[in-house]
Amino acid sequence: MTIALKMLPVVAVFASALAVAQPGEPTAQRQQTLVRMVRQDCGSCHGMRLTGGLGPALTREALAERPLAALVATTLHGRPGTPMPGWHTMLSEADALWIAQQLQAGFPAESAGAK
């Protein structure tokens, strides 16, 4: 029991480190940056209205049946053998998840303060 009590501070520090390492939803300012990124960078291949171009459409209808995890993975790691790059150097997993959710909801998300 004494060992368990001595370990309690270590466990508390580890738990707080895990909380920091698990990012939540991007801030409102980051969301605005992500909206611009999707419109400009993604739009250059997927069409300015995300209805398709070099890359497939990223509309709500086109993505309705796609698993969210697959959209996140594609955003972060790209699609080998295609022009789709991975964006893991510029996006966190939380960013990619937020983008995927917005695309499935019908991007662009006006509620994100898109301009």
N, C-alpha and C. Protein backbone atom coordinates (compact mmCIF):
# COMPACT_ATOMS: atom_id res chain seq x y z
N MET A 1 0.82 -1.19 0.00
CA MET A 1 0.00 0.00 0.00
C MET A 1 0.87 1.25 0.00
N THR A 2 1.99 1.21 0.68
CA THR A 2 2.89 2.36 0.73
C THR A 2 3.41 2.68 -0.66
N ILE A 3 3.75 1.66 -1.43
CA ILE A 3 4.24 1.87 -2.79
C ILE A 3 3.15 2.52 -3.64
N ALA A 4 1.94 2.06 -3.51
CA ALA A 4 0.83 2.64 -4.28
C ALA A 4 0.65 4.11 -3.95
N LEU A 5 0.76 4.48 -2.70
CA LEU A 5 0.62 5.89 -2.31
C LEU A 5 1.77 6.73 -2.84
N LYS A 6 2.96 6.16 -2.88
CA LYS A 6 4.12 6.89 -3.42
C LYS A 6 4.00 7.07 -4.93
N MET A 7 3.33 6.15 -5.60
CA MET A 7 3.17 6.22 -7.05
C MET A 7 2.07 7.19 -7.47
N LEU A 8 1.21 7.58 -6.56
CA LEU A 8 0.08 8.44 -6.89
C LEU A 8 0.50 9.73 -7.58
N PRO A 9 1.52 10.46 -7.09
CA PRO A 9 1.92 11.68 -7.81
C PRO A 9 2.42 11.39 -9.23
N VAL A 10 3.12 10.28 -9.41
CA VAL A 10 3.61 9.90 -10.74
C VAL A 10 2.43 9.64 -11.68
N VAL A 11 1.44 8.92 -11.19
CA VAL A 11 0.25 8.63 -11.99
C VAL A 11 -0.48 9.91 -12.34
N ALA A 12 -0.58 10.83 -11.40
CA ALA A 12 -1.26 12.11 -11.64
C ALA A 12 -0.53 12.91 -12.72
N VAL A 13 0.80 12.95 -12.66
CA VAL A 13 1.57 13.67 -13.68
C VAL A 13 1.39 13.01 -15.04
N PHE A 14 1.43 11.67 -15.09
CA PHE A 14 1.25 10.95 -16.34
C PHE A 14 -0.14 11.21 -16.91
N ALA A 15 -1.15 11.20 -16.08
CA ALA A 15 -2.52 11.46 -16.53
C ALA A 15 -2.66 12.87 -17.07
N SER A 16 -2.03 13.85 -16.43
CA SER A 16 -2.14 15.22 -16.94
C SER A 16 -1.37 15.36 -18.25
N ALA A 17 -0.28 14.64 -18.42
CA ALA A 17 0.46 14.66 -19.69
C ALA A 17 -0.38 14.07 -20.81
N LEU A 18 -1.11 13.01 -20.50
CA LEU A 18 -2.00 12.42 -21.50
C LEU A 18 -3.09 13.40 -21.90
N ALA A 19 -3.61 14.15 -20.96
CA ALA A 19 -4.66 15.12 -21.26
C ALA A 19 -4.15 16.18 -22.21
N VAL A 20 -2.89 16.59 -22.05
CA VAL A 20 -2.31 17.59 -22.93
C VAL A 20 -2.08 16.99 -24.31
N ALA A 21 -1.67 15.73 -24.38
CA ALA A 21 -1.34 15.09 -25.65
C ALA A 21 -2.58 14.75 -26.48
N GLN A 22 -3.76 14.80 -25.88
CA GLN A 22 -5.00 14.49 -26.59
C GLN A 22 -5.69 15.80 -26.98
N PRO A 23 -5.35 16.38 -28.13
CA PRO A 23 -5.92 17.68 -28.48
C PRO A 23 -7.41 17.58 -28.77
N GLY A 24 -8.12 18.64 -28.46
CA GLY A 24 -9.55 18.70 -28.72
C GLY A 24 -9.83 19.39 -30.03
N GLU A 25 -11.02 19.91 -30.13
CA GLU A 25 -11.42 20.63 -31.34
C GLU A 25 -10.54 21.86 -31.52
N PRO A 26 -10.17 22.18 -32.76
CA PRO A 26 -9.35 23.37 -33.00
C PRO A 26 -10.05 24.64 -32.50
N THR A 27 -9.26 25.61 -32.11
CA THR A 27 -9.80 26.89 -31.66
C THR A 27 -10.52 27.57 -32.82
N ALA A 28 -11.31 28.59 -32.51
CA ALA A 28 -12.04 29.33 -33.55
C ALA A 28 -11.07 29.94 -34.56
N GLN A 29 -9.96 30.45 -34.09
CA GLN A 29 -8.97 31.04 -34.99
C GLN A 29 -8.36 29.97 -35.90
N ARG A 30 -8.05 28.81 -35.34
CA ARG A 30 -7.50 27.71 -36.14
C ARG A 30 -8.53 27.22 -37.15
N GLN A 31 -9.81 27.18 -36.75
CA GLN A 31 -10.87 26.77 -37.66
C GLN A 31 -10.93 27.69 -38.87
N GLN A 32 -10.77 28.99 -38.66
CA GLN A 32 -10.77 29.94 -39.78
C GLN A 32 -9.60 29.64 -40.73
N THR A 33 -8.44 29.33 -40.14
CA THR A 33 -7.27 28.97 -40.94
C THR A 33 -7.53 27.70 -41.74
N LEU A 34 -8.17 26.72 -41.10
CA LEU A 34 -8.47 25.46 -41.78
C LEU A 34 -9.48 25.66 -42.91
N VAL A 35 -10.46 26.52 -42.70
CA VAL A 35 -11.44 26.81 -43.76
C VAL A 35 -10.72 27.41 -44.97
N ARG A 36 -9.83 28.37 -44.73
CA ARG A 36 -9.06 28.96 -45.85
C ARG A 36 -8.20 27.91 -46.53
N MET A 37 -7.59 27.04 -45.73
CA MET A 37 -6.73 26.00 -46.30
C MET A 37 -7.53 25.06 -47.19
N VAL A 38 -8.69 24.63 -46.72
CA VAL A 38 -9.51 23.73 -47.52
C VAL A 38 -9.95 24.44 -48.81
N ARG A 39 -10.40 25.66 -48.69
CA ARG A 39 -10.86 26.39 -49.88
C ARG A 39 -9.76 26.61 -50.89
N GLN A 40 -8.56 26.94 -50.42
CA GLN A 40 -7.48 27.26 -51.34
C GLN A 40 -6.67 26.03 -51.74
N ASP A 41 -6.14 25.32 -50.75
CA ASP A 41 -5.24 24.21 -51.06
C ASP A 41 -5.99 22.99 -51.57
N CYS A 42 -7.03 22.58 -50.86
CA CYS A 42 -7.81 21.43 -51.32
C CYS A 42 -8.58 21.79 -52.59
N GLY A 43 -9.10 23.02 -52.61
CA GLY A 43 -9.86 23.48 -53.77
C GLY A 43 -9.07 23.50 -55.05
N SER A 44 -7.75 23.63 -54.96
CA SER A 44 -6.94 23.66 -56.19
C SER A 44 -7.01 22.34 -56.95
N CYS A 45 -7.27 21.23 -56.27
CA CYS A 45 -7.41 19.94 -56.94
C CYS A 45 -8.85 19.42 -56.94
N HIS A 46 -9.58 19.71 -55.88
CA HIS A 46 -10.94 19.18 -55.74
C HIS A 46 -12.00 20.17 -56.25
N GLY A 47 -11.55 21.25 -56.85
CA GLY A 47 -12.46 22.26 -57.37
C GLY A 47 -12.74 23.32 -56.32
N MET A 48 -12.86 24.55 -56.76
CA MET A 48 -13.04 25.66 -55.83
C MET A 48 -14.32 25.53 -55.02
N ARG A 49 -15.29 24.80 -55.55
CA ARG A 49 -16.53 24.53 -54.80
C ARG A 49 -16.54 23.11 -54.25
N LEU A 50 -15.38 22.47 -54.33
CA LEU A 50 -15.18 21.10 -53.85
C LEU A 50 -16.09 20.09 -54.55
N THR A 51 -16.47 20.41 -55.77
CA THR A 51 -17.36 19.53 -56.54
C THR A 51 -16.58 18.60 -57.48
N GLY A 52 -15.27 18.62 -57.36
CA GLY A 52 -14.44 17.72 -58.17
C GLY A 52 -13.60 18.47 -59.17
N GLY A 53 -12.52 17.88 -59.54
CA GLY A 53 -11.57 18.43 -60.51
C GLY A 53 -10.55 17.34 -60.75
N LEU A 54 -9.29 17.64 -60.51
CA LEU A 54 -8.26 16.61 -60.57
C LEU A 54 -8.58 15.53 -59.54
N GLY A 55 -9.04 15.96 -58.37
CA GLY A 55 -9.45 15.04 -57.31
C GLY A 55 -10.97 14.91 -57.29
N PRO A 56 -11.49 13.91 -56.59
CA PRO A 56 -12.93 13.70 -56.55
C PRO A 56 -13.65 14.80 -55.75
N ALA A 57 -14.95 14.84 -55.89
CA ALA A 57 -15.78 15.79 -55.15
C ALA A 57 -15.66 15.54 -53.65
N LEU A 58 -15.68 16.62 -52.90
CA LEU A 58 -15.66 16.54 -51.44
C LEU A 58 -16.95 17.10 -50.86
N THR A 59 -18.03 16.90 -51.58
CA THR A 59 -19.33 17.40 -51.13
C THR A 59 -19.93 16.47 -50.08
N ARG A 60 -20.93 16.98 -49.39
CA ARG A 60 -21.64 16.19 -48.37
C ARG A 60 -22.15 14.90 -49.00
N GLU A 61 -22.73 14.99 -50.18
CA GLU A 61 -23.31 13.81 -50.85
C GLU A 61 -22.22 12.80 -51.21
N ALA A 62 -21.10 13.29 -51.72
CA ALA A 62 -20.03 12.39 -52.13
C ALA A 62 -19.37 11.67 -50.95
N LEU A 63 -19.40 12.31 -49.78
CA LEU A 63 -18.71 11.76 -48.62
C LEU A 63 -19.65 11.12 -47.60
N ALA A 64 -20.94 11.11 -47.88
CA ALA A 64 -21.94 10.66 -46.91
C ALA A 64 -21.67 9.24 -46.41
N GLU A 65 -21.25 8.35 -47.26
CA GLU A 65 -21.07 6.94 -46.88
C GLU A 65 -19.63 6.61 -46.48
N ARG A 66 -18.76 7.60 -46.54
CA ARG A 66 -17.35 7.35 -46.20
C ARG A 66 -17.15 7.38 -44.69
N PRO A 67 -16.43 6.41 -44.14
CA PRO A 67 -16.15 6.44 -42.71
C PRO A 67 -15.28 7.65 -42.36
N LEU A 68 -15.60 8.29 -41.26
CA LEU A 68 -14.85 9.47 -40.82
C LEU A 68 -13.36 9.15 -40.66
N ALA A 69 -13.06 8.00 -40.10
CA ALA A 69 -11.66 7.61 -39.91
C ALA A 69 -10.91 7.51 -41.23
N ALA A 70 -11.58 7.07 -42.28
CA ALA A 70 -10.94 6.97 -43.60
C ALA A 70 -10.64 8.36 -44.16
N LEU A 71 -11.56 9.30 -43.94
CA LEU A 71 -11.33 10.66 -44.41
C LEU A 71 -10.16 11.30 -43.67
N VAL A 72 -10.08 11.07 -42.38
CA VAL A 72 -8.97 11.60 -41.58
C VAL A 72 -7.65 10.99 -42.06
N ALA A 73 -7.63 9.69 -42.26
CA ALA A 73 -6.40 9.01 -42.71
C ALA A 73 -5.96 9.52 -44.08
N THR A 74 -6.90 9.70 -44.99
CA THR A 74 -6.56 10.21 -46.32
C THR A 74 -6.02 11.62 -46.22
N THR A 75 -6.64 12.44 -45.40
CA THR A 75 -6.18 13.82 -45.24
C THR A 75 -4.76 13.85 -44.68
N LEU A 76 -4.49 13.05 -43.70
CA LEU A 76 -3.17 13.08 -43.06
C LEU A 76 -2.09 12.37 -43.87
N HIS A 77 -2.44 11.26 -44.53
CA HIS A 77 -1.41 10.42 -45.15
C HIS A 77 -1.48 10.37 -46.68
N GLY A 78 -2.48 10.99 -47.27
CA GLY A 78 -2.60 11.00 -48.71
C GLY A 78 -3.09 9.67 -49.27
N ARG A 79 -2.99 9.55 -50.59
CA ARG A 79 -3.37 8.33 -51.28
C ARG A 79 -2.23 7.94 -52.22
N PRO A 80 -1.46 6.92 -51.85
CA PRO A 80 -0.34 6.50 -52.69
C PRO A 80 -0.80 6.18 -54.12
N GLY A 81 0.02 6.58 -55.07
CA GLY A 81 -0.29 6.32 -56.48
C GLY A 81 -1.22 7.35 -57.08
N THR A 82 -1.58 8.37 -56.32
CA THR A 82 -2.43 9.46 -56.82
C THR A 82 -1.75 10.79 -56.48
N PRO A 83 -2.25 11.88 -57.03
CA PRO A 83 -1.67 13.19 -56.67
C PRO A 83 -2.02 13.66 -55.25
N MET A 84 -2.87 12.91 -54.52
CA MET A 84 -3.29 13.34 -53.19
C MET A 84 -2.14 13.22 -52.19
N PRO A 85 -1.62 14.38 -51.71
CA PRO A 85 -0.54 14.33 -50.73
C PRO A 85 -1.08 14.14 -49.33
N GLY A 86 -0.20 13.74 -48.45
CA GLY A 86 -0.54 13.71 -47.03
C GLY A 86 -0.27 15.08 -46.43
N TRP A 87 -1.11 15.52 -45.53
CA TRP A 87 -0.98 16.84 -44.93
C TRP A 87 -0.54 16.75 -43.48
N HIS A 88 0.02 15.60 -43.07
CA HIS A 88 0.39 15.40 -41.67
C HIS A 88 1.42 16.40 -41.15
N THR A 89 2.19 17.01 -42.03
CA THR A 89 3.18 17.99 -41.57
C THR A 89 2.55 19.34 -41.25
N MET A 90 1.34 19.57 -41.76
CA MET A 90 0.68 20.86 -41.55
C MET A 90 -0.57 20.75 -40.68
N LEU A 91 -1.08 19.54 -40.50
CA LEU A 91 -2.32 19.34 -39.76
C LEU A 91 -2.13 18.35 -38.63
N SER A 92 -2.79 18.63 -37.53
CA SER A 92 -2.83 17.65 -36.44
C SER A 92 -3.98 16.68 -36.73
N GLU A 93 -4.06 15.62 -35.96
CA GLU A 93 -5.17 14.69 -36.12
C GLU A 93 -6.49 15.39 -35.81
N ALA A 94 -6.48 16.28 -34.81
CA ALA A 94 -7.69 17.04 -34.45
C ALA A 94 -8.11 17.95 -35.61
N ASP A 95 -7.13 18.56 -36.29
CA ASP A 95 -7.44 19.40 -37.46
C ASP A 95 -8.10 18.56 -38.55
N ALA A 96 -7.49 17.41 -38.84
CA ALA A 96 -8.00 16.55 -39.91
C ALA A 96 -9.40 16.03 -39.57
N LEU A 97 -9.62 15.70 -38.32
CA LEU A 97 -10.94 15.24 -37.89
C LEU A 97 -11.96 16.36 -38.06
N TRP A 98 -11.62 17.56 -37.66
CA TRP A 98 -12.53 18.71 -37.78
C TRP A 98 -12.87 18.95 -39.26
N ILE A 99 -11.85 18.92 -40.12
CA ILE A 99 -12.08 19.12 -41.56
C ILE A 99 -13.01 18.04 -42.09
N ALA A 100 -12.75 16.78 -41.76
CA ALA A 100 -13.59 15.68 -42.23
C ALA A 100 -15.03 15.85 -41.77
N GLN A 101 -15.22 16.25 -40.52
CA GLN A 101 -16.57 16.47 -40.01
C GLN A 101 -17.26 17.61 -40.77
N GLN A 102 -16.53 18.67 -41.05
CA GLN A 102 -17.11 19.80 -41.79
C GLN A 102 -17.46 19.40 -43.22
N LEU A 103 -16.60 18.61 -43.85
CA LEU A 103 -16.89 18.14 -45.21
C LEU A 103 -18.15 17.29 -45.22
N GLN A 104 -18.28 16.39 -44.26
CA GLN A 104 -19.47 15.54 -44.21
C GLN A 104 -20.74 16.34 -43.88
N ALA A 105 -20.56 17.47 -43.21
CA ALA A 105 -21.72 18.31 -42.86
C ALA A 105 -22.07 19.29 -43.98
N GLY A 106 -21.21 19.40 -45.00
CA GLY A 106 -21.49 20.29 -46.11
C GLY A 106 -20.60 21.52 -46.11
N PHE A 107 -19.32 21.33 -46.21
CA PHE A 107 -18.33 22.40 -46.25
C PHE A 107 -18.64 23.32 -47.42
N PRO A 108 -18.42 24.60 -47.37
CA PRO A 108 -17.76 25.33 -46.29
C PRO A 108 -18.68 25.59 -45.12
N ALA A 109 -18.09 25.54 -43.95
CA ALA A 109 -18.85 25.72 -42.72
C ALA A 109 -18.94 27.20 -42.38
N GLU A 110 -20.06 27.78 -42.63
CA GLU A 110 -20.23 29.19 -42.33
C GLU A 110 -20.13 29.44 -40.83
N SER A 111 -20.49 28.44 -40.02
CA SER A 111 -20.42 28.61 -38.58
C SER A 111 -18.99 28.72 -38.08
N ALA A 112 -18.03 28.36 -38.92
CA ALA A 112 -16.63 28.43 -38.51
C ALA A 112 -16.05 29.82 -38.78
N GLY A 113 -16.88 30.76 -39.13
CA GLY A 113 -16.41 32.11 -39.38
C GLY A 113 -15.70 32.20 -40.72
N ALA A 114 -16.08 31.39 -41.66
CA ALA A 114 -15.46 31.39 -42.98
C ALA A 114 -15.66 32.73 -43.65
N LYS A 115 -14.61 33.17 -44.33
CA LYS A 115 -14.65 34.45 -45.06
C LYS A 115 -14.28 34.23 -46.49
